[in-house]
Protein backbone atom coordinates (compact mmCIF):
# COMPACT_ATOMS: atom_id res chain seq x y z
CA MET A 1 82.48 91.73 93.04
CA GLN A 2 82.98 89.19 90.36
CA GLU A 3 79.86 89.97 88.52
CA TRP A 4 80.47 93.41 89.09
CA PHE A 5 83.60 93.55 87.12
CA SER A 6 81.75 91.49 84.45
CA ASN A 7 79.38 94.08 84.24
CA HIS A 8 82.10 96.70 83.45
CA PRO A 9 84.33 95.56 81.44
CA VAL A 10 86.22 98.97 80.51
CA ILE A 11 86.70 99.53 84.13
CA THR A 12 87.73 96.52 84.60
CA TYR A 13 90.36 96.68 81.64
CA VAL A 14 91.52 100.29 83.30
CA LEU A 15 92.10 98.72 86.36
CA ILE A 16 94.02 95.51 85.27
CA LEU A 17 96.48 97.92 82.89
CA ALA A 18 96.90 100.67 85.60
CA CYS A 19 97.90 97.76 88.36
CA THR A 20 99.98 96.24 85.62
CA ILE A 21 101.96 99.26 85.09
CA TYR A 22 102.35 100.35 88.72
CA ILE A 23 103.79 96.77 89.57
CA PHE A 24 106.12 97.07 86.56
CA ASN A 25 107.32 100.40 87.26
CA ALA A 26 107.52 99.67 91.22
CA VAL A 27 109.05 96.22 90.80
CA PHE A 28 111.05 95.83 87.35
CA ARG A 29 112.11 98.98 86.03
CA VAL A 30 115.53 99.94 86.85
CA GLN A 31 116.22 103.09 84.53
CA ARG A 32 114.07 104.93 81.92
CA LEU A 33 114.09 103.37 78.55
CA PRO A 34 114.51 105.37 75.44
CA ILE A 35 110.82 106.70 73.94
CA LEU A 36 110.33 104.01 71.54
CA LYS A 37 111.26 101.11 73.38
CA GLU A 38 109.27 102.61 76.28
CA VAL A 39 106.18 102.95 73.68
CA LEU A 40 106.82 99.25 72.90
CA VAL A 41 107.04 98.18 76.72
CA HIS A 42 103.77 99.86 77.47
CA LEU A 43 101.93 98.09 74.52
CA ILE A 44 103.10 94.63 75.19
CA MET A 45 101.49 95.56 79.25
CA ALA A 46 98.51 96.40 77.10
CA ILE A 47 98.17 93.06 75.57
CA GLY A 48 99.39 91.20 78.74
CA ALA A 49 96.41 93.17 80.77
CA PHE A 50 93.58 92.35 78.08
CA VAL A 51 95.11 88.83 78.80
CA LEU A 52 94.52 89.44 82.28
CA PHE A 53 90.71 90.92 81.39
CA ILE A 54 89.91 87.61 79.63
CA LEU A 55 90.84 85.66 82.52
CA GLN A 56 88.93 88.08 85.14
CA ILE A 57 85.98 88.29 83.25
CA ASP A 58 86.04 84.27 83.19
CA LYS A 59 85.76 84.74 86.71
CA LEU A 60 89.33 84.70 88.06
CA PRO A 61 90.11 87.00 90.83
CA ILE A 62 92.98 88.87 88.72
CA ILE A 63 92.22 92.28 90.06
CA GLN A 64 91.78 90.84 93.89
CA CYS A 65 94.99 88.92 93.43
CA MET A 66 96.92 92.39 91.84
CA ALA A 67 95.20 94.44 94.82
CA VAL A 68 97.22 92.12 97.40
CA ALA A 69 100.58 92.48 95.50
CA ILE A 70 100.26 96.41 95.50
CA ILE A 71 99.45 96.14 99.54
CA MET A 72 101.94 94.12 100.00
CA MET A 73 103.80 96.14 98.01
CA MET A 74 103.11 99.21 99.80
CA MET A 75 103.75 97.55 103.10
CA LEU A 76 107.48 97.04 102.00
CA ARG A 77 107.72 101.07 100.91
CA GLY A 78 106.35 101.82 104.18
CA ARG A 79 109.03 99.21 106.02
CA GLN A 80 111.78 100.65 104.10
CA LEU A 81 111.09 104.33 104.87
CA TYR A 82 110.37 103.41 108.87
CA ASP A 83 113.82 101.56 108.78
CA LYS A 84 115.54 104.87 106.66
CA LEU A 85 113.76 107.43 109.21
CA ARG A 86 114.75 105.10 112.25
CA LYS A 87 118.64 105.05 111.18
CA LYS A 88 118.35 108.74 110.18
CA ASN A 89 117.36 109.62 114.05
CA GLY A 90 120.30 107.41 115.28
CA LYS A 91 117.76 104.70 116.94
CA THR A 92 119.56 101.39 116.16
CA VAL A 93 118.35 98.08 117.74
CA ASN A 94 121.22 96.20 118.85
CA THR A 95 120.12 92.36 118.18
CA GLY A 96 122.53 89.59 119.56
CA SER A 97 125.74 91.43 120.56
CA GLY A 98 125.30 89.60 124.47
CA GLN A 99 126.10 92.70 126.06
């Protein structure tokens, strides 16, 4: 898989940039920024993605690690939605009341 990513550098860079933007938006974004600051943040992420791209080409599993992070974030989001749905339906579990 590492060889395939090395042979397709444009796809590799786009994947790294997309993962970086998704992780930033899902984890670190609190509110929308003004447009100029938004452009600046994305430009800095593009530069950082290029650094990660160089490390990926140098045979480090950057994309695979980002994929694991995204899967874990999706699992957390799924759990939050499940708990929200369960609370909405009134099915709470009593844990440790001793009754």
